Amino acid sequence: MNTGHIERWLANIQAFIIFLIFLFIALVVAVIIFACLRAAMRDKCAARAQERDRKEKFRPDGTAYPPFGRGFCDNCNGAFDKVYYLPSGMRLCPACYQAFEKD
């Protein structure tokens, strides 16, 4: 019986198994790197959204704007996506509110 042929066949199988193990390890590392990058991007996006929300709700000096929502401005009678609801009951669009604050 020719044992050289069998030994060569077994060596080829071992090399193939080692190749598959390295390929699996490379795929696992790639998935871990991808997951870390995706988590970092999600965190940055959440931080940007939080900062945008903070800028929308607070003035540069840190005081809060009045509550706002969709509605009609009592001053210019226009419909807006953002209308400030003042404690006095008035509803003002951003342009009218800025003019109101300056006075």
N, C-alpha and C. Protein backbone atom coordinates (compact mmCIF):
# COMPACT_ATOMS: atom_id res chain seq x y z
N MET A 1 0.84 -1.17 0.00
CA MET A 1 0.00 0.00 0.00
C MET A 1 0.89 1.24 0.00
N ASN A 2 0.47 2.28 -0.74
CA ASN A 2 1.26 3.50 -0.89
C ASN A 2 0.85 4.49 0.21
N THR A 3 1.68 4.64 1.23
CA THR A 3 1.35 5.53 2.34
C THR A 3 1.66 6.98 2.01
N GLY A 4 2.49 7.26 1.05
CA GLY A 4 2.84 8.63 0.67
C GLY A 4 1.62 9.36 0.13
N HIS A 5 0.80 8.65 -0.63
CA HIS A 5 -0.41 9.26 -1.18
C HIS A 5 -1.40 9.62 -0.06
N ILE A 6 -1.55 8.74 0.91
CA ILE A 6 -2.45 8.98 2.04
C ILE A 6 -1.93 10.12 2.91
N GLU A 7 -0.62 10.17 3.15
CA GLU A 7 -0.04 11.24 3.95
C GLU A 7 -0.22 12.60 3.27
N ARG A 8 -0.04 12.64 1.96
CA ARG A 8 -0.22 13.88 1.22
C ARG A 8 -1.69 14.33 1.27
N TRP A 9 -2.60 13.35 1.16
CA TRP A 9 -4.04 13.63 1.23
C TRP A 9 -4.41 14.18 2.62
N LEU A 10 -3.87 13.59 3.68
CA LEU A 10 -4.12 14.07 5.05
C LEU A 10 -3.52 15.46 5.27
N ALA A 11 -2.34 15.72 4.71
CA ALA A 11 -1.72 17.03 4.83
C ALA A 11 -2.57 18.10 4.13
N ASN A 12 -3.14 17.74 2.96
CA ASN A 12 -4.02 18.68 2.26
C ASN A 12 -5.27 18.98 3.08
N ILE A 13 -5.82 17.97 3.71
CA ILE A 13 -7.02 18.17 4.55
C ILE A 13 -6.67 19.05 5.74
N GLN A 14 -5.53 18.83 6.38
CA GLN A 14 -5.11 19.65 7.51
C GLN A 14 -4.89 21.10 7.08
N ALA A 15 -4.28 21.30 5.93
CA ALA A 15 -4.06 22.66 5.44
C ALA A 15 -5.39 23.35 5.16
N PHE A 16 -6.34 22.61 4.60
CA PHE A 16 -7.66 23.18 4.33
C PHE A 16 -8.38 23.54 5.62
N ILE A 17 -8.29 22.70 6.63
CA ILE A 17 -8.93 22.97 7.93
C ILE A 17 -8.28 24.19 8.58
N ILE A 18 -6.97 24.29 8.52
CA ILE A 18 -6.27 25.45 9.08
C ILE A 18 -6.70 26.72 8.35
N PHE A 19 -6.81 26.64 7.01
CA PHE A 19 -7.29 27.78 6.22
C PHE A 19 -8.70 28.20 6.65
N LEU A 20 -9.59 27.24 6.86
CA LEU A 20 -10.95 27.55 7.29
C LEU A 20 -10.97 28.19 8.67
N ILE A 21 -10.10 27.72 9.56
CA ILE A 21 -10.03 28.30 10.91
C ILE A 21 -9.57 29.76 10.83
N PHE A 22 -8.53 30.03 10.03
CA PHE A 22 -8.07 31.42 9.87
C PHE A 22 -9.14 32.29 9.21
N LEU A 23 -9.84 31.75 8.25
CA LEU A 23 -10.92 32.49 7.59
C LEU A 23 -12.03 32.82 8.59
N PHE A 24 -12.39 31.88 9.43
CA PHE A 24 -13.42 32.10 10.44
C PHE A 24 -12.96 33.18 11.44
N ILE A 25 -11.71 33.11 11.86
CA ILE A 25 -11.18 34.11 12.80
C ILE A 25 -11.18 35.50 12.15
N ALA A 26 -10.80 35.58 10.88
CA ALA A 26 -10.81 36.86 10.18
C ALA A 26 -12.23 37.41 10.07
N LEU A 27 -13.20 36.56 9.80
CA LEU A 27 -14.58 37.02 9.72
C LEU A 27 -15.09 37.51 11.08
N VAL A 28 -14.75 36.82 12.14
CA VAL A 28 -15.16 37.24 13.48
C VAL A 28 -14.54 38.59 13.83
N VAL A 29 -13.26 38.77 13.51
CA VAL A 29 -12.60 40.05 13.77
C VAL A 29 -13.25 41.16 12.95
N ALA A 30 -13.56 40.89 11.69
CA ALA A 30 -14.21 41.89 10.84
C ALA A 30 -15.58 42.28 11.38
N VAL A 31 -16.34 41.31 11.87
CA VAL A 31 -17.66 41.61 12.43
C VAL A 31 -17.52 42.44 13.71
N ILE A 32 -16.54 42.12 14.53
CA ILE A 32 -16.33 42.89 15.77
C ILE A 32 -15.93 44.33 15.44
N ILE A 33 -15.04 44.51 14.47
CA ILE A 33 -14.63 45.87 14.07
C ILE A 33 -15.82 46.63 13.51
N PHE A 34 -16.60 45.99 12.66
CA PHE A 34 -17.78 46.63 12.08
C PHE A 34 -18.78 47.04 13.17
N ALA A 35 -18.99 46.16 14.15
CA ALA A 35 -19.92 46.47 15.24
C ALA A 35 -19.41 47.66 16.07
N CYS A 36 -18.11 47.71 16.32
CA CYS A 36 -17.55 48.83 17.09
C CYS A 36 -17.69 50.15 16.33
N LEU A 37 -17.41 50.12 15.03
CA LEU A 37 -17.54 51.34 14.23
C LEU A 37 -18.99 51.79 14.16
N ARG A 38 -19.89 50.85 14.02
CA ARG A 38 -21.31 51.19 13.96
C ARG A 38 -21.79 51.78 15.29
N ALA A 39 -21.33 51.23 16.40
CA ALA A 39 -21.70 51.76 17.71
C ALA A 39 -21.14 53.18 17.90
N ALA A 40 -19.93 53.40 17.42
CA ALA A 40 -19.34 54.74 17.54
C ALA A 40 -20.12 55.74 16.69
N MET A 41 -20.52 55.34 15.49
CA MET A 41 -21.31 56.22 14.63
C MET A 41 -22.67 56.51 15.26
N ARG A 42 -23.28 55.49 15.87
CA ARG A 42 -24.57 55.69 16.52
C ARG A 42 -24.44 56.66 17.70
N ASP A 43 -23.36 56.54 18.46
CA ASP A 43 -23.14 57.44 19.59
C ASP A 43 -22.93 58.87 19.12
N LYS A 44 -22.16 59.06 18.04
CA LYS A 44 -21.96 60.40 17.50
C LYS A 44 -23.25 61.00 17.00
N CYS A 45 -24.05 60.18 16.33
CA CYS A 45 -25.33 60.66 15.81
C CYS A 45 -26.27 61.05 16.97
N ALA A 46 -26.28 60.24 18.01
CA ALA A 46 -27.11 60.55 19.17
C ALA A 46 -26.63 61.83 19.86
N ALA A 47 -25.33 62.02 19.94
CA ALA A 47 -24.80 63.23 20.57
C ALA A 47 -25.16 64.47 19.74
N ARG A 48 -25.08 64.34 18.40
CA ARG A 48 -25.46 65.47 17.54
C ARG A 48 -26.94 65.79 17.69
N ALA A 49 -27.78 64.76 17.75
CA ALA A 49 -29.22 64.99 17.91
C ALA A 49 -29.52 65.63 19.26
N GLN A 50 -28.83 65.20 20.30
CA GLN A 50 -29.03 65.78 21.62
C GLN A 50 -28.59 67.25 21.65
N GLU A 51 -27.49 67.55 20.99
CA GLU A 51 -27.02 68.94 20.93
C GLU A 51 -27.99 69.81 20.14
N ARG A 52 -28.51 69.28 19.03
CA ARG A 52 -29.49 70.02 18.23
C ARG A 52 -30.76 70.27 19.05
N ASP A 53 -31.18 69.27 19.81
CA ASP A 53 -32.36 69.41 20.66
C ASP A 53 -32.12 70.45 21.75
N ARG A 54 -30.92 70.43 22.33
CA ARG A 54 -30.60 71.41 23.38
C ARG A 54 -30.59 72.83 22.81
N LYS A 55 -30.02 73.00 21.61
CA LYS A 55 -30.00 74.33 20.99
C LYS A 55 -31.40 74.81 20.66
N GLU A 56 -32.29 73.88 20.35
CA GLU A 56 -33.66 74.26 20.02
C GLU A 56 -34.45 74.66 21.26
N LYS A 57 -34.13 74.08 22.41
CA LYS A 57 -34.90 74.34 23.62
C LYS A 57 -34.29 75.40 24.54
N PHE A 58 -32.99 75.70 24.36
CA PHE A 58 -32.33 76.64 25.27
C PHE A 58 -31.63 77.75 24.47
N ARG A 59 -31.66 78.94 25.04
CA ARG A 59 -30.95 80.08 24.45
C ARG A 59 -29.45 79.90 24.67
N PRO A 60 -28.63 80.69 23.96
CA PRO A 60 -27.18 80.58 24.16
C PRO A 60 -26.72 80.87 25.60
N ASP A 61 -27.49 81.68 26.33
CA ASP A 61 -27.11 81.97 27.72
C ASP A 61 -27.56 80.88 28.69
N GLY A 62 -28.27 79.86 28.21
CA GLY A 62 -28.67 78.73 29.05
C GLY A 62 -30.08 78.77 29.56
N THR A 63 -30.78 79.88 29.39
CA THR A 63 -32.18 79.94 29.83
C THR A 63 -33.06 79.24 28.80
N ALA A 64 -34.16 78.69 29.27
CA ALA A 64 -35.03 77.89 28.41
C ALA A 64 -35.99 78.77 27.61
N TYR A 65 -36.23 78.36 26.37
CA TYR A 65 -37.29 78.98 25.58
C TYR A 65 -38.63 78.48 26.12
N PRO A 66 -39.71 79.21 25.86
CA PRO A 66 -41.02 78.71 26.29
C PRO A 66 -41.38 77.44 25.50
N PRO A 67 -42.35 76.68 25.97
CA PRO A 67 -42.75 75.48 25.23
C PRO A 67 -43.22 75.85 23.83
N PHE A 68 -43.05 74.94 22.88
CA PHE A 68 -43.45 75.23 21.51
C PHE A 68 -44.07 74.00 20.87
N GLY A 69 -44.76 74.24 19.78
CA GLY A 69 -45.38 73.18 18.99
C GLY A 69 -45.98 73.79 17.74
N ARG A 70 -46.74 73.00 17.00
CA ARG A 70 -47.41 73.51 15.81
C ARG A 70 -48.57 74.40 16.22
N GLY A 71 -48.83 75.39 15.38
CA GLY A 71 -49.97 76.24 15.69
C GLY A 71 -49.99 77.50 14.86
N PHE A 72 -50.84 78.42 15.28
CA PHE A 72 -51.01 79.71 14.62
C PHE A 72 -50.42 80.80 15.49
N CYS A 73 -49.75 81.73 14.84
CA CYS A 73 -49.17 82.87 15.54
C CYS A 73 -50.29 83.90 15.77
N ASP A 74 -50.41 84.39 17.00
CA ASP A 74 -51.42 85.40 17.31
C ASP A 74 -51.06 86.77 16.74
N ASN A 75 -49.79 87.00 16.47
CA ASN A 75 -49.35 88.31 16.00
C ASN A 75 -49.50 88.44 14.48
N CYS A 76 -48.99 87.47 13.71
CA CYS A 76 -49.04 87.58 12.24
C CYS A 76 -50.09 86.66 11.63
N ASN A 77 -50.79 85.88 12.44
CA ASN A 77 -51.87 84.98 12.01
C ASN A 77 -51.42 83.95 10.98
N GLY A 78 -50.17 83.53 11.04
CA GLY A 78 -49.66 82.50 10.13
C GLY A 78 -49.61 81.16 10.83
N ALA A 79 -49.66 80.09 10.04
CA ALA A 79 -49.53 78.72 10.57
C ALA A 79 -48.07 78.30 10.48
N PHE A 80 -47.53 77.77 11.58
CA PHE A 80 -46.11 77.40 11.63
C PHE A 80 -45.94 76.06 12.32
N ASP A 81 -44.84 75.39 11.98
CA ASP A 81 -44.48 74.15 12.68
C ASP A 81 -43.97 74.43 14.09
N LYS A 82 -43.44 75.63 14.29
CA LYS A 82 -42.91 75.99 15.60
C LYS A 82 -43.54 77.30 16.05
N VAL A 83 -44.36 77.21 17.08
CA VAL A 83 -45.00 78.38 17.68
C VAL A 83 -44.74 78.30 19.17
N TYR A 84 -44.23 79.40 19.74
CA TYR A 84 -43.95 79.44 21.18
C TYR A 84 -45.24 79.76 21.92
N TYR A 85 -45.51 78.97 22.96
CA TYR A 85 -46.68 79.19 23.81
C TYR A 85 -46.21 79.92 25.07
N LEU A 86 -46.50 81.20 25.14
CA LEU A 86 -46.03 82.02 26.26
C LEU A 86 -46.93 81.82 27.48
N PRO A 87 -46.40 82.06 28.68
CA PRO A 87 -47.21 81.90 29.90
C PRO A 87 -48.44 82.81 29.91
N SER A 88 -48.37 83.92 29.19
CA SER A 88 -49.52 84.84 29.16
C SER A 88 -50.65 84.32 28.29
N GLY A 89 -50.40 83.21 27.54
CA GLY A 89 -51.42 82.66 26.67
C GLY A 89 -51.21 83.01 25.21
N MET A 90 -50.27 83.91 24.94
CA MET A 90 -49.98 84.28 23.55
C MET A 90 -49.23 83.16 22.85
N ARG A 91 -49.45 83.07 21.54
CA ARG A 91 -48.71 82.12 20.70
C ARG A 91 -47.97 82.94 19.65
N LEU A 92 -46.65 82.76 19.59
CA LEU A 92 -45.83 83.56 18.67
C LEU A 92 -44.92 82.65 17.86
N CYS A 93 -44.82 82.96 16.56
CA CYS A 93 -43.87 82.26 15.69
C CYS A 93 -42.45 82.71 16.06
N PRO A 94 -41.41 82.02 15.59
CA PRO A 94 -40.04 82.41 15.96
C PRO A 94 -39.69 83.86 15.61
N ALA A 95 -40.13 84.35 14.44
CA ALA A 95 -39.80 85.73 14.06
C ALA A 95 -40.50 86.72 14.98
N CYS A 96 -41.77 86.50 15.25
CA CYS A 96 -42.49 87.40 16.15
C CYS A 96 -41.97 87.29 17.58
N TYR A 97 -41.55 86.10 17.98
CA TYR A 97 -41.01 85.92 19.33
C TYR A 97 -39.70 86.68 19.49
N GLN A 98 -38.84 86.68 18.46
CA GLN A 98 -37.60 87.42 18.54
C GLN A 98 -37.88 88.93 18.65
N ALA A 99 -38.84 89.39 17.90
CA ALA A 99 -39.21 90.81 17.99
C ALA A 99 -39.81 91.12 19.37
N PHE A 100 -40.58 90.19 19.90
CA PHE A 100 -41.19 90.35 21.22
C PHE A 100 -40.11 90.39 22.31
N GLU A 101 -39.08 89.54 22.18
CA GLU A 101 -38.00 89.51 23.17
C GLU A 101 -37.17 90.78 23.15
N LYS A 102 -36.97 91.37 21.99
CA LYS A 102 -36.17 92.59 21.87
C LYS A 102 -36.84 93.77 22.52
N ASP A 103 -38.18 93.76 22.56
CA ASP A 103 -38.93 94.89 23.16
C ASP A 103 -38.90 94.86 24.65
